[in-house]
Amino acid sequence: MHDFDKNYWEEHWVSATSPKERIMPVNPYLADETKQLSPGTALDEGCAIGTEALWLA
């Protein structure tokens, strides 16, 4: 797991030359917390640029 400190977030949100080229990793806590869920389970997850929404889909 990461230390979610300033350096982590600075690196996480670094800009690419265009938004289409930006590939963001899913939050490691989301991946860990959802690995036991059954398909079709409802999950309320915060939003930002949509990385988690795409990963969950």
N, C-alpha and C. Protein backbone atom coordinates (compact mmCIF):
# COMPACT_ATOMS: atom_id res chain seq x y z
N MET A 1 0.83 -1.19 0.00
CA MET A 1 0.00 0.00 0.00
C MET A 1 0.88 1.25 0.00
N HIS A 2 0.29 2.32 -0.43
CA HIS A 2 0.99 3.59 -0.50
C HIS A 2 0.80 4.38 0.79
N ASP A 3 1.73 5.28 1.03
CA ASP A 3 1.51 6.33 2.02
C ASP A 3 0.83 7.45 1.25
N PHE A 4 -0.38 7.78 1.61
CA PHE A 4 -1.13 8.80 0.89
C PHE A 4 -0.73 10.19 1.38
N ASP A 5 0.52 10.52 1.12
CA ASP A 5 1.06 11.81 1.53
C ASP A 5 1.08 12.77 0.33
N LYS A 6 1.62 13.94 0.53
CA LYS A 6 1.66 14.96 -0.52
C LYS A 6 2.35 14.44 -1.78
N ASN A 7 3.47 13.75 -1.62
CA ASN A 7 4.19 13.24 -2.78
C ASN A 7 3.37 12.24 -3.57
N TYR A 8 2.64 11.38 -2.88
CA TYR A 8 1.79 10.41 -3.58
C TYR A 8 0.76 11.14 -4.44
N TRP A 9 0.06 12.12 -3.86
CA TRP A 9 -1.00 12.80 -4.61
C TRP A 9 -0.44 13.68 -5.71
N GLU A 10 0.71 14.29 -5.51
CA GLU A 10 1.33 15.07 -6.57
C GLU A 10 1.63 14.18 -7.77
N GLU A 11 2.16 13.00 -7.52
CA GLU A 11 2.47 12.06 -8.59
C GLU A 11 1.19 11.48 -9.21
N HIS A 12 0.20 11.22 -8.38
CA HIS A 12 -1.07 10.65 -8.83
C HIS A 12 -1.80 11.57 -9.80
N TRP A 13 -1.79 12.86 -9.54
CA TRP A 13 -2.55 13.81 -10.34
C TRP A 13 -1.70 14.56 -11.36
N VAL A 14 -0.48 14.11 -11.61
CA VAL A 14 0.38 14.80 -12.58
C VAL A 14 -0.32 14.83 -13.94
N SER A 15 -0.24 15.96 -14.61
CA SER A 15 -0.92 16.12 -15.89
C SER A 15 -0.15 15.45 -17.02
N ALA A 16 -0.89 14.88 -17.94
CA ALA A 16 -0.32 14.36 -19.19
C ALA A 16 -0.54 15.42 -20.26
N THR A 17 -0.07 15.15 -21.44
CA THR A 17 -0.21 16.14 -22.51
C THR A 17 -1.67 16.32 -22.91
N SER A 18 -2.48 15.30 -22.76
CA SER A 18 -3.91 15.43 -23.00
C SER A 18 -4.64 14.48 -22.06
N PRO A 19 -5.90 14.80 -21.71
CA PRO A 19 -6.64 13.92 -20.80
C PRO A 19 -6.79 12.50 -21.32
N LYS A 20 -6.84 12.31 -22.63
CA LYS A 20 -6.99 10.96 -23.19
C LYS A 20 -5.73 10.12 -22.97
N GLU A 21 -4.60 10.77 -22.80
CA GLU A 21 -3.35 10.05 -22.57
C GLU A 21 -3.12 9.73 -21.10
N ARG A 22 -3.91 10.30 -20.23
CA ARG A 22 -3.73 10.10 -18.80
C ARG A 22 -4.33 8.75 -18.40
N ILE A 23 -3.51 7.87 -17.89
CA ILE A 23 -3.98 6.57 -17.40
C ILE A 23 -3.72 6.56 -15.91
N MET A 24 -4.78 6.59 -15.15
CA MET A 24 -4.65 6.66 -13.71
C MET A 24 -4.86 5.28 -13.10
N PRO A 25 -4.07 4.92 -12.12
CA PRO A 25 -4.29 3.63 -11.44
C PRO A 25 -5.49 3.74 -10.51
N VAL A 26 -6.19 2.63 -10.35
CA VAL A 26 -7.31 2.62 -9.41
C VAL A 26 -6.75 2.74 -7.99
N ASN A 27 -7.51 3.36 -7.12
CA ASN A 27 -7.12 3.50 -5.73
C ASN A 27 -6.92 2.09 -5.16
N PRO A 28 -5.76 1.78 -4.58
CA PRO A 28 -5.51 0.43 -4.08
C PRO A 28 -6.48 0.00 -2.99
N TYR A 29 -7.01 0.94 -2.22
CA TYR A 29 -7.99 0.58 -1.20
C TYR A 29 -9.30 0.14 -1.83
N LEU A 30 -9.70 0.77 -2.93
CA LEU A 30 -10.93 0.37 -3.61
C LEU A 30 -10.79 -1.05 -4.14
N ALA A 31 -9.68 -1.34 -4.78
CA ALA A 31 -9.46 -2.69 -5.31
C ALA A 31 -9.50 -3.73 -4.18
N ASP A 32 -8.86 -3.42 -3.07
CA ASP A 32 -8.82 -4.35 -1.94
C ASP A 32 -10.20 -4.53 -1.30
N GLU A 33 -10.93 -3.44 -1.12
CA GLU A 33 -12.23 -3.51 -0.45
C GLU A 33 -13.33 -4.14 -1.31
N THR A 34 -13.17 -4.14 -2.62
CA THR A 34 -14.24 -4.65 -3.48
C THR A 34 -13.97 -6.06 -4.01
N LYS A 35 -12.84 -6.64 -3.71
CA LYS A 35 -12.50 -7.93 -4.30
C LYS A 35 -13.44 -9.06 -3.87
N GLN A 36 -14.12 -8.91 -2.75
CA GLN A 36 -15.04 -9.95 -2.27
C GLN A 36 -16.50 -9.69 -2.65
N LEU A 37 -16.79 -8.56 -3.29
CA LEU A 37 -18.17 -8.24 -3.65
C LEU A 37 -18.67 -9.06 -4.82
N SER A 38 -19.93 -9.41 -4.79
CA SER A 38 -20.56 -10.14 -5.89
C SER A 38 -20.95 -9.16 -6.99
N PRO A 39 -20.94 -9.58 -8.25
CA PRO A 39 -21.42 -8.70 -9.33
C PRO A 39 -22.84 -8.24 -9.04
N GLY A 40 -23.11 -7.00 -9.32
CA GLY A 40 -24.43 -6.43 -9.08
C GLY A 40 -24.58 -5.77 -7.72
N THR A 41 -23.55 -5.84 -6.88
CA THR A 41 -23.58 -5.20 -5.57
C THR A 41 -23.52 -3.68 -5.74
N ALA A 42 -24.35 -2.96 -5.00
CA ALA A 42 -24.34 -1.50 -5.06
C ALA A 42 -23.15 -0.97 -4.28
N LEU A 43 -22.53 0.07 -4.81
CA LEU A 43 -21.39 0.68 -4.16
C LEU A 43 -21.45 2.18 -4.40
N ASP A 44 -21.40 2.96 -3.31
CA ASP A 44 -21.37 4.41 -3.42
C ASP A 44 -19.92 4.83 -3.26
N GLU A 45 -19.34 5.33 -4.33
CA GLU A 45 -17.93 5.67 -4.35
C GLU A 45 -17.78 7.11 -4.80
N GLY A 46 -16.90 7.86 -4.17
CA GLY A 46 -16.67 9.25 -4.53
C GLY A 46 -16.21 9.40 -5.97
N CYS A 47 -16.32 10.59 -6.50
CA CYS A 47 -15.94 10.79 -7.90
C CYS A 47 -14.81 11.80 -8.01
N ALA A 48 -14.10 11.71 -9.10
CA ALA A 48 -13.02 12.65 -9.42
C ALA A 48 -12.97 12.74 -10.94
N ILE A 49 -12.04 12.00 -11.55
CA ILE A 49 -11.96 12.03 -13.01
C ILE A 49 -12.56 10.78 -13.65
N GLY A 50 -13.11 9.88 -12.85
CA GLY A 50 -13.80 8.71 -13.38
C GLY A 50 -12.98 7.44 -13.44
N THR A 51 -11.76 7.45 -12.94
CA THR A 51 -10.92 6.26 -12.98
C THR A 51 -11.58 5.08 -12.30
N GLU A 52 -12.10 5.30 -11.09
CA GLU A 52 -12.73 4.21 -10.36
C GLU A 52 -14.01 3.74 -11.05
N ALA A 53 -14.78 4.66 -11.60
CA ALA A 53 -16.01 4.28 -12.31
C ALA A 53 -15.69 3.37 -13.50
N LEU A 54 -14.65 3.70 -14.24
CA LEU A 54 -14.24 2.86 -15.36
C LEU A 54 -13.75 1.51 -14.88
N TRP A 55 -12.97 1.50 -13.83
CA TRP A 55 -12.45 0.25 -13.29
C TRP A 55 -13.59 -0.63 -12.78
N LEU A 56 -14.56 -0.03 -12.08
CA LEU A 56 -15.68 -0.81 -11.56
C LEU A 56 -16.55 -1.37 -12.67
N ALA A 57 -16.67 -0.62 -13.78
CA ALA A 57 -17.48 -1.09 -14.91
C ALA A 57 -16.86 -2.32 -15.51
